[in-house]
Amino acid sequence: MKVDQLSIFLENRAGRLAEVTKILEDNGINIRALSLADTSDFGILRLIVSDFEKARNALKENGFTVGRTNVVAVEVSDEPGGLNNILTLLQESGINVEYMYAFVQQSGNSAVLIFRFDRTDQGIEVLQKNNITVIPGEKLYSL
């Protein structure tokens, strides 16, 4: 139920992000979700892609520092309170959300959020016990 996420460290300079996307394009890798956070000196690009290993290898071959992080994709009701319901369940179980970002779906009554928990396995267990849909990586990579 965990999803493999690429974490790529980027110098904060013009064109560096385009270098990453060009490498992925050249290798036929589709970006499924992304988040970019920055400081004055560097950024962290977080990606979920169609082929994790191929993307990691291609980026490393081109000099990028790349890491793997396990995250969780969660289906959230696309209505007021949908996210709050999930966050409340996690809070009551002592699970900390380190960061999160959205994944865009083509259609449907739900949104998909990508979560990084401090205790991933326990977070998945809490969600599943409360009938919250956790999307397996294999499904997310091909959506």
Foldseek 3Di string as FASTA:
>chain_A
DWAKKKKWKAFPDPPGVVVLVVLCVVQVKAWQDWDWDDDNTIIIIITRILDVVSSVVSVVVVPIDIDIDIKWKWWFFPDPCRVVVLVVLCVVVVKDFPDKDWGDDPDDRTTIMITDIPDHVVSVVSCVVVVIDIDDNNVSSVD
